[in-house]
């Protein structure tokens, strides 16, 4: 399946709809430099992706946001997959093509990977992503990436009023129950790593197995995946500054 990428049109269209209660198709078309038919097509696509945009006699009206981390909602480079085998695999392919500092986000993963070959359950409602980096470090220094990534997750969860704890392997717990996991894979030579893929899975609104917990379970309500993503991406940028 092809990923959803940043869209100048969707970003500008949503901005216009958020600034005014109702915006005419002609006004949007003129502002974006596209036809009214193109405006209609983008509105249709956004509705299919979880937004609720109503067509009224006076124009378009945004009733509800999708609250998902689509690339046009973020200030970071990202690809979004509705369903994929593993974000780690996609990030590795991009790393081999020379890409860097890009997030691969999935709504669901069929073959999400955890540490030591374990499978990471990736049901809809969670936040699953991989970050592609090109740090100038040797292979032996790769484990150093765990701490800043863990700090970024902990810092994010603290903002939700939770009290997370970090295990030596980087996993994050609330009490005795796991809420997030980290997987780091490096590719290159012993003296210099070509690129690193950091995989993160956070239980947000998804159902969780025994021994795990989620933000929804802890807070007693669903949270915005978009808000969660923005917070953690910003914290990762700050914490990984020395490696980027």
C-alpha atoms as a PDB file:
ATOM      1  CA  UNK A   1       0.000   0.000   0.000  1.00  0.00           C
ATOM      2  CA  UNK A   2       1.267   3.473  -0.873  1.00  0.00           C
ATOM      3  CA  UNK A   3       1.911   5.834   2.029  1.00  0.00           C
ATOM      4  CA  UNK A   4       0.136   9.110   2.649  1.00  0.00           C
ATOM      5  CA  UNK A   5       2.658  11.918   2.238  1.00  0.00           C
ATOM      6  CA  UNK A   6       2.645  15.608   3.008  1.00  0.00           C
ATOM      7  CA  UNK A   7       0.115  17.458   0.867  1.00  0.00           C
ATOM      8  CA  UNK A   8       0.364  21.202   0.360  1.00  0.00           C
ATOM      9  CA  UNK A   9      -3.256  21.282  -0.768  1.00  0.00           C
ATOM     10  CA  UNK A  10      -4.662  19.354   2.200  1.00  0.00           C
ATOM     11  CA  UNK A  11      -2.581  21.390   4.650  1.00  0.00           C
ATOM     12  CA  UNK A  12      -3.808  24.682   3.151  1.00  0.00           C
ATOM     13  CA  UNK A  13      -7.389  23.446   2.767  1.00  0.00           C
ATOM     14  CA  UNK A  14      -7.637  22.460   6.419  1.00  0.00           C
ATOM     15  CA  UNK A  15      -6.044  25.752   7.487  1.00  0.00           C
ATOM     16  CA  UNK A  16      -8.702  27.672   5.549  1.00  0.00           C
ATOM     17  CA  UNK A  17     -11.508  25.583   7.056  1.00  0.00           C
ATOM     18  CA  UNK A  18     -10.170  26.123  10.573  1.00  0.00           C
ATOM     19  CA  UNK A  19      -9.948  29.872  10.141  1.00  0.00           C
ATOM     20  CA  UNK A  20     -13.578  30.389   9.070  1.00  0.00           C
ATOM     21  CA  UNK A  21     -16.821  28.652   9.925  1.00  0.00           C
ATOM     22  CA  UNK A  22     -17.803  28.255   6.271  1.00  0.00           C
ATOM     23  CA  UNK A  23     -15.583  28.672   3.207  1.00  0.00           C
ATOM     24  CA  UNK A  24     -16.886  28.618  -0.355  1.00  0.00           C
ATOM     25  CA  UNK A  25     -15.409  26.269  -2.929  1.00  0.00           C
ATOM     26  CA  UNK A  26     -14.590  29.260  -5.137  1.00  0.00           C
ATOM     27  CA  UNK A  27     -12.666  30.963  -2.321  1.00  0.00           C
ATOM     28  CA  UNK A  28     -10.644  27.842  -1.566  1.00  0.00           C
ATOM     29  CA  UNK A  29      -9.953  27.180  -5.249  1.00  0.00           C
ATOM     30  CA  UNK A  30      -8.730  30.745  -5.783  1.00  0.00           C
ATOM     31  CA  UNK A  31      -6.594  30.692  -2.645  1.00  0.00           C
ATOM     32  CA  UNK A  32      -4.995  27.345  -3.475  1.00  0.00           C
ATOM     33  CA  UNK A  33      -4.707  27.887  -7.218  1.00  0.00           C
ATOM     34  CA  UNK A  34      -6.697  24.785  -8.138  1.00  0.00           C
ATOM     35  CA  UNK A  35     -10.099  24.032  -9.669  1.00  0.00           C
ATOM     36  CA  UNK A  36     -13.318  23.597  -7.682  1.00  0.00           C
ATOM     37  CA  UNK A  37     -13.361  19.966  -8.814  1.00  0.00           C
ATOM     38  CA  UNK A  38      -9.918  19.477  -7.286  1.00  0.00           C
ATOM     39  CA  UNK A  39     -11.148  21.069  -4.057  1.00  0.00           C
ATOM     40  CA  UNK A  40     -14.079  18.640  -3.998  1.00  0.00           C
ATOM     41  CA  UNK A  41     -11.755  15.664  -4.559  1.00  0.00           C
ATOM     42  CA  UNK A  42      -9.525  16.660  -1.647  1.00  0.00           C
ATOM     43  CA  UNK A  43     -12.543  17.207   0.602  1.00  0.00           C
ATOM     44  CA  UNK A  44     -13.810  13.741  -0.356  1.00  0.00           C
ATOM     45  CA  UNK A  45     -10.431  12.184   0.458  1.00  0.00           C
ATOM     46  CA  UNK A  46     -10.284  13.956   3.826  1.00  0.00           C
ATOM     47  CA  UNK A  47     -13.756  12.702   4.723  1.00  0.00           C
ATOM     48  CA  UNK A  48     -12.643   9.163   3.888  1.00  0.00           C
ATOM     49  CA  UNK A  49      -9.656   9.612   6.224  1.00  0.00           C
ATOM     50  CA  UNK A  50     -11.755  10.464   9.254  1.00  0.00           C
ATOM     51  CA  UNK A  51     -12.408  14.191   8.978  1.00  0.00           C
ATOM     52  CA  UNK A  52     -15.999  15.414   8.805  1.00  0.00           C
ATOM     53  CA  UNK A  53     -16.370  18.211   6.264  1.00  0.00           C
ATOM     54  CA  UNK A  54     -19.929  19.215   5.409  1.00  0.00           C
ATOM     55  CA  UNK A  55     -20.913  20.707   2.061  1.00  0.00           C
ATOM     56  CA  UNK A  56     -23.480  23.481   2.590  1.00  0.00           C
ATOM     57  CA  UNK A  57     -25.134  25.927   0.150  1.00  0.00           C
ATOM     58  CA  UNK A  58     -22.631  28.564   1.334  1.00  0.00           C
ATOM     59  CA  UNK A  59     -19.559  26.335   1.141  1.00  0.00           C
ATOM     60  CA  UNK A  60     -17.577  23.801   3.138  1.00  0.00           C
ATOM     61  CA  UNK A  61     -17.684  23.505   6.927  1.00  0.00           C
ATOM     62  CA  UNK A  62     -15.282  21.509   9.100  1.00  0.00           C
ATOM     63  CA  UNK A  63     -17.292  19.613  11.716  1.00  0.00           C
ATOM     64  CA  UNK A  64     -14.637  17.274  13.080  1.00  0.00           C
ATOM     65  CA  UNK A  65     -10.892  16.692  12.830  1.00  0.00           C
ATOM     66  CA  UNK A  66      -9.475  13.205  12.312  1.00  0.00           C
ATOM     67  CA  UNK A  67      -7.006  13.604  15.211  1.00  0.00           C
ATOM     68  CA  UNK A  68      -4.555  11.307  13.457  1.00  0.00           C
ATOM     69  CA  UNK A  69      -0.881  11.998  12.672  1.00  0.00           C
ATOM     70  CA  UNK A  70      -1.257  12.488   8.938  1.00  0.00           C
ATOM     71  CA  UNK A  71       1.846  14.094   7.361  1.00  0.00           C
ATOM     72  CA  UNK A  72       0.039  17.360   6.480  1.00  0.00           C
ATOM     73  CA  UNK A  73      -0.775  17.815  10.179  1.00  0.00           C
ATOM     74  CA  UNK A  74       2.874  17.608  11.266  1.00  0.00           C
ATOM     75  CA  UNK A  75       5.903  19.878  11.187  1.00  0.00           C
ATOM     76  CA  UNK A  76       8.219  16.890  10.674  1.00  0.00           C
ATOM     77  CA  UNK A  77       8.850  14.795   7.564  1.00  0.00           C
ATOM     78  CA  UNK A  78       6.662  11.727   7.743  1.00  0.00           C
ATOM     79  CA  UNK A  79       4.957   8.972   5.759  1.00  0.00           C
ATOM     80  CA  UNK A  80       1.721   7.473   7.049  1.00  0.00           C
ATOM     81  CA  UNK A  81       0.523   3.947   6.307  1.00  0.00           C
ATOM     82  CA  UNK A  82      -2.999   2.793   7.105  1.00  0.00           C
ATOM     83  CA  UNK A  83      -1.610  -0.743   7.223  1.00  0.00           C
ATOM     84  CA  UNK A  84       1.925  -2.065   6.718  1.00  0.00           C
ATOM     85  CA  UNK A  85       3.958  -5.136   7.631  1.00  0.00           C
ATOM     86  CA  UNK A  86       6.456  -3.168   9.737  1.00  0.00           C
ATOM     87  CA  UNK A  87       7.533   0.477   9.871  1.00  0.00           C
ATOM     88  CA  UNK A  88      11.060  -0.807  10.557  1.00  0.00           C
ATOM     89  CA  UNK A  89      11.198  -2.441   7.117  1.00  0.00           C
ATOM     90  CA  UNK A  90      10.019   0.724   5.345  1.00  0.00           C
ATOM     91  CA  UNK A  91      12.513   2.876   7.235  1.00  0.00           C
ATOM     92  CA  UNK A  92      15.334   0.471   6.358  1.00  0.00           C
ATOM     93  CA  UNK A  93      14.454   0.713   2.652  1.00  0.00           C
ATOM     94  CA  UNK A  94      14.495   4.520   2.850  1.00  0.00           C
ATOM     95  CA  UNK A  95      17.803   4.455   4.718  1.00  0.00           C
ATOM     96  CA  UNK A  96      19.348   2.415   1.918  1.00  0.00           C
ATOM     97  CA  UNK A  97      18.191   5.151  -0.485  1.00  0.00           C
ATOM     98  CA  UNK A  98      19.968   7.847   1.520  1.00  0.00           C
ATOM     99  CA  UNK A  99      16.999   9.322   3.389  1.00  0.00           C
ATOM    100  CA  UNK A 100      17.344  10.566   6.975  1.00  0.00           C
ATOM    101  CA  UNK A 101      15.381  12.157   9.823  1.00  0.00           C
ATOM    102  CA  UNK A 102      12.016  10.925   8.594  1.00  0.00           C
ATOM    103  CA  UNK A 103       9.199   9.280  10.542  1.00  0.00           C
ATOM    104  CA  UNK A 104       7.341   6.229   9.218  1.00  0.00           C
ATOM    105  CA  UNK A 105       3.979   5.994  10.988  1.00  0.00           C
ATOM    106  CA  UNK A 106       1.485   3.147  10.788  1.00  0.00           C
ATOM    107  CA  UNK A 107      -2.128   2.909  11.884  1.00  0.00           C
ATOM    108  CA  UNK A 108      -1.654  -0.858  12.065  1.00  0.00           C
ATOM    109  CA  UNK A 109       1.236  -3.286  11.563  1.00  0.00           C
ATOM    110  CA  UNK A 110       0.833  -6.899  10.492  1.00  0.00           C
ATOM    111  CA  UNK A 111       4.338  -7.882  11.586  1.00  0.00           C
ATOM    112  CA  UNK A 112       5.341  -5.311  14.176  1.00  0.00           C
ATOM    113  CA  UNK A 113       8.638  -6.273  15.817  1.00  0.00           C
ATOM    114  CA  UNK A 114       9.722  -6.030  19.420  1.00  0.00           C
ATOM    115  CA  UNK A 115      13.061  -6.797  21.048  1.00  0.00           C
ATOM    116  CA  UNK A 116      14.719 -10.242  20.840  1.00  0.00           C
ATOM    117  CA  UNK A 117      12.556 -11.217  17.871  1.00  0.00           C
ATOM    118  CA  UNK A 118       9.292 -10.798  19.764  1.00  0.00           C
ATOM    119  CA  UNK A 119       6.153  -9.626  17.981  1.00  0.00           C
ATOM    120  CA  UNK A 120       4.708  -6.256  18.954  1.00  0.00           C
ATOM    121  CA  UNK A 121       0.913  -6.314  18.865  1.00  0.00           C
ATOM    122  CA  UNK A 122      -0.044  -3.367  16.663  1.00  0.00           C
ATOM    123  CA  UNK A 123      -3.783  -2.959  16.786  1.00  0.00           C
ATOM    124  CA  UNK A 124      -5.587   0.120  15.548  1.00  0.00           C
ATOM    125  CA  UNK A 125      -5.566   2.913  18.100  1.00  0.00           C
ATOM    126  CA  UNK A 126      -1.930   2.733  19.105  1.00  0.00           C
ATOM    127  CA  UNK A 127       0.973   4.899  17.924  1.00  0.00           C
ATOM    128  CA  UNK A 128       3.545   2.904  15.944  1.00  0.00           C
ATOM    129  CA  UNK A 129       6.439   4.584  14.166  1.00  0.00           C
ATOM    130  CA  UNK A 130      10.068   4.289  13.149  1.00  0.00           C
ATOM    131  CA  UNK A 131      12.539   7.158  12.990  1.00  0.00           C
ATOM    132  CA  UNK A 132      15.370   7.038  10.467  1.00  0.00           C
ATOM    133  CA  UNK A 133      18.622   8.668  11.624  1.00  0.00           C
ATOM    134  CA  UNK A 134      22.168   9.015  10.316  1.00  0.00           C
ATOM    135  CA  UNK A 135      24.202   9.581  13.486  1.00  0.00           C
ATOM    136  CA  UNK A 136      27.961   9.751  13.133  1.00  0.00           C
ATOM    137  CA  UNK A 137      28.690   6.998  15.629  1.00  0.00           C
ATOM    138  CA  UNK A 138      30.305   3.565  15.619  1.00  0.00           C
ATOM    139  CA  UNK A 139      28.350   0.357  16.123  1.00  0.00           C
ATOM    140  CA  UNK A 140      29.359   0.098  19.780  1.00  0.00           C
ATOM    141  CA  UNK A 141      27.745   3.458  20.526  1.00  0.00           C
ATOM    142  CA  UNK A 142      24.298   2.555  19.173  1.00  0.00           C
ATOM    143  CA  UNK A 143      22.925   1.492  22.612  1.00  0.00           C
ATOM    144  CA  UNK A 144      23.460   5.099  23.739  1.00  0.00           C
ATOM    145  CA  UNK A 145      20.396   6.040  21.668  1.00  0.00           C
ATOM    146  CA  UNK A 146      18.066   4.171  24.031  1.00  0.00           C
ATOM    147  CA  UNK A 147      18.302   6.691  26.868  1.00  0.00           C
ATOM    148  CA  UNK A 148      17.337   9.844  24.923  1.00  0.00           C
ATOM    149  CA  UNK A 149      14.471   8.002  23.216  1.00  0.00           C
ATOM    150  CA  UNK A 150      13.229   6.729  26.578  1.00  0.00           C
ATOM    151  CA  UNK A 151      13.494  10.230  28.044  1.00  0.00           C
ATOM    152  CA  UNK A 152      11.414  11.622  25.184  1.00  0.00           C
ATOM    153  CA  UNK A 153       8.655   9.070  25.811  1.00  0.00           C
ATOM    154  CA  UNK A 154       8.732   9.594  29.578  1.00  0.00           C
ATOM    155  CA  UNK A 155       8.611  13.364  29.148  1.00  0.00           C
ATOM    156  CA  UNK A 156       5.577  12.964  26.885  1.00  0.00           C
ATOM    157  CA  UNK A 157       3.711  10.641  29.255  1.00  0.00           C
ATOM    158  CA  UNK A 158       4.362  12.956  32.199  1.00  0.00           C
ATOM    159  CA  UNK A 159       2.387  15.651  30.360  1.00  0.00           C
ATOM    160  CA  UNK A 160      -0.636  13.339  30.542  1.00  0.00           C
ATOM    161  CA  UNK A 161      -0.289  13.115  34.317  1.00  0.00           C
ATOM    162  CA  UNK A 162       1.156   9.601  34.298  1.00  0.00           C
ATOM    163  CA  UNK A 163       4.110   8.336  36.330  1.00  0.00           C
ATOM    164  CA  UNK A 164       6.184   6.256  33.886  1.00  0.00           C
ATOM    165  CA  UNK A 165       9.235   4.196  34.769  1.00  0.00           C
ATOM    166  CA  UNK A 166      11.991   3.023  32.434  1.00  0.00           C
ATOM    167  CA  UNK A 167      13.426  -0.489  32.400  1.00  0.00           C
ATOM    168  CA  UNK A 168      17.137  -1.058  31.571  1.00  0.00           C
ATOM    169  CA  UNK A 169      16.189  -2.202  28.054  1.00  0.00           C
ATOM    170  CA  UNK A 170      14.318   1.051  27.395  1.00  0.00           C
ATOM    171  CA  UNK A 171      10.780  -0.289  27.819  1.00  0.00           C
ATOM    172  CA  UNK A 172       8.374   2.082  29.568  1.00  0.00           C
ATOM    173  CA  UNK A 173       6.027   0.952  32.338  1.00  0.00           C
ATOM    174  CA  UNK A 174       3.160   2.402  34.319  1.00  0.00           C
ATOM    175  CA  UNK A 175       3.357   0.494  37.565  1.00  0.00           C
ATOM    176  CA  UNK A 176       3.994  -3.119  36.555  1.00  0.00           C
ATOM    177  CA  UNK A 177       2.340  -2.789  33.140  1.00  0.00           C
ATOM    178  CA  UNK A 178       4.148  -2.000  29.907  1.00  0.00           C
ATOM    179  CA  UNK A 179       2.894   0.986  27.928  1.00  0.00           C
ATOM    180  CA  UNK A 180       5.677   1.543  25.374  1.00  0.00           C
ATOM    181  CA  UNK A 181       8.586  -0.291  23.776  1.00  0.00           C
ATOM    182  CA  UNK A 182      11.675   0.701  21.819  1.00  0.00           C
ATOM    183  CA  UNK A 183      13.635  -1.212  19.189  1.00  0.00           C
ATOM    184  CA  UNK A 184      16.918   0.075  17.719  1.00  0.00           C
ATOM    185  CA  UNK A 185      18.501  -1.441  14.606  1.00  0.00           C
ATOM    186  CA  UNK A 186      21.793  -0.221  13.122  1.00  0.00           C
ATOM    187  CA  UNK A 187      23.168  -0.761   9.621  1.00  0.00           C
ATOM    188  CA  UNK A 188      26.733  -0.165   8.503  1.00  0.00           C
ATOM    189  CA  UNK A 189      30.277  -1.005   9.529  1.00  0.00           C
ATOM    190  CA  UNK A 190      31.893  -1.418  12.944  1.00  0.00           C
ATOM    191  CA  UNK A 191      33.747   1.904  12.725  1.00  0.00           C
ATOM    192  CA  UNK A 192      30.848   3.954  11.341  1.00  0.00           C
ATOM    193  CA  UNK A 193      27.108   3.351  11.210  1.00  0.00           C
ATOM    194  CA  UNK A 194      25.425   4.213   7.900  1.00  0.00           C
ATOM    195  CA  UNK A 195      22.008   4.700   9.450  1.00  0.00           C
ATOM    196  CA  UNK A 196      19.924   3.717  12.445  1.00  0.00           C
ATOM    197  CA  UNK A 197      16.227   2.879  12.640  1.00  0.00           C
ATOM    198  CA  UNK A 198      14.504   3.547  15.950  1.00  0.00           C
ATOM    199  CA  UNK A 199      11.145   1.834  16.321  1.00  0.00           C
ATOM    200  CA  UNK A 200       8.629   2.938  18.944  1.00  0.00           C
ATOM    201  CA  UNK A 201       5.280   1.465  19.904  1.00  0.00           C
ATOM    202  CA  UNK A 202       3.014   3.256  22.371  1.00  0.00           C
ATOM    203  CA  UNK A 203      -0.271   1.871  23.613  1.00  0.00           C
ATOM    204  CA  UNK A 204      -2.681   4.779  23.263  1.00  0.00           C
ATOM    205  CA  UNK A 205      -6.319   3.935  22.476  1.00  0.00           C
ATOM    206  CA  UNK A 206      -5.753   0.321  21.432  1.00  0.00           C
ATOM    207  CA  UNK A 207      -6.743  -2.846  23.252  1.00  0.00           C
ATOM    208  CA  UNK A 208      -3.800  -4.317  25.166  1.00  0.00           C
ATOM    209  CA  UNK A 209      -2.864  -7.860  26.261  1.00  0.00           C
ATOM    210  CA  UNK A 210      -2.443  -8.937  29.861  1.00  0.00           C
ATOM    211  CA  UNK A 211       0.580  -7.329  31.473  1.00  0.00           C
ATOM    212  CA  UNK A 212       0.272  -4.159  29.418  1.00  0.00           C
ATOM    213  CA  UNK A 213      -1.601  -0.885  29.742  1.00  0.00           C
ATOM    214  CA  UNK A 214      -2.502   2.101  27.572  1.00  0.00           C
ATOM    215  CA  UNK A 215      -3.105   5.825  27.839  1.00  0.00           C
ATOM    216  CA  UNK A 216      -6.831   5.199  27.408  1.00  0.00           C
ATOM    217  CA  UNK A 217      -6.837   2.630  30.194  1.00  0.00           C
ATOM    218  CA  UNK A 218      -4.872   4.837  32.572  1.00  0.00           C
ATOM    219  CA  UNK A 219      -6.770   8.063  31.837  1.00  0.00           C
ATOM    220  CA  UNK A 220     -10.210   6.575  31.380  1.00  0.00           C
ATOM    221  CA  UNK A 221     -10.686   8.315  28.035  1.00  0.00           C
ATOM    222  CA  UNK A 222      -9.435   8.272  24.475  1.00  0.00           C
ATOM    223  CA  UNK A 223      -6.647  10.675  23.573  1.00  0.00           C
ATOM    224  CA  UNK A 224      -5.814  12.464  20.344  1.00  0.00           C
ATOM    225  CA  UNK A 225      -3.190  10.468  18.441  1.00  0.00           C
ATOM    226  CA  UNK A 226      -2.239  13.670  16.649  1.00  0.00           C
ATOM    227  CA  UNK A 227      -1.560  15.477  19.915  1.00  0.00           C
ATOM    228  CA  UNK A 228       0.433  12.509  21.246  1.00  0.00           C
ATOM    229  CA  UNK A 229       2.492  12.358  18.053  1.00  0.00           C
ATOM    230  CA  UNK A 230       3.282  16.076  18.015  1.00  0.00           C
ATOM    231  CA  UNK A 231       4.437  15.959  21.616  1.00  0.00           C
ATOM    232  CA  UNK A 232       6.649  12.914  21.275  1.00  0.00           C
ATOM    233  CA  UNK A 233       8.171  13.976  17.943  1.00  0.00           C
ATOM    234  CA  UNK A 234       9.093  17.346  19.409  1.00  0.00           C
ATOM    235  CA  UNK A 235      10.634  15.684  22.470  1.00  0.00           C
ATOM    236  CA  UNK A 236      12.565  13.229  20.288  1.00  0.00           C
ATOM    237  CA  UNK A 237      13.986  16.094  18.229  1.00  0.00           C
ATOM    238  CA  UNK A 238      15.158  17.775  21.422  1.00  0.00           C
ATOM    239  CA  UNK A 239      16.573  14.650  23.069  1.00  0.00           C
ATOM    240  CA  UNK A 240      18.302  13.320  19.939  1.00  0.00           C
ATOM    241  CA  UNK A 241      19.779  16.661  18.974  1.00  0.00           C
ATOM    242  CA  UNK A 242      23.355  15.507  19.551  1.00  0.00           C
ATOM    243  CA  UNK A 243      22.862  12.489  17.279  1.00  0.00           C
ATOM    244  CA  UNK A 244      21.030  14.118  14.361  1.00  0.00           C
END
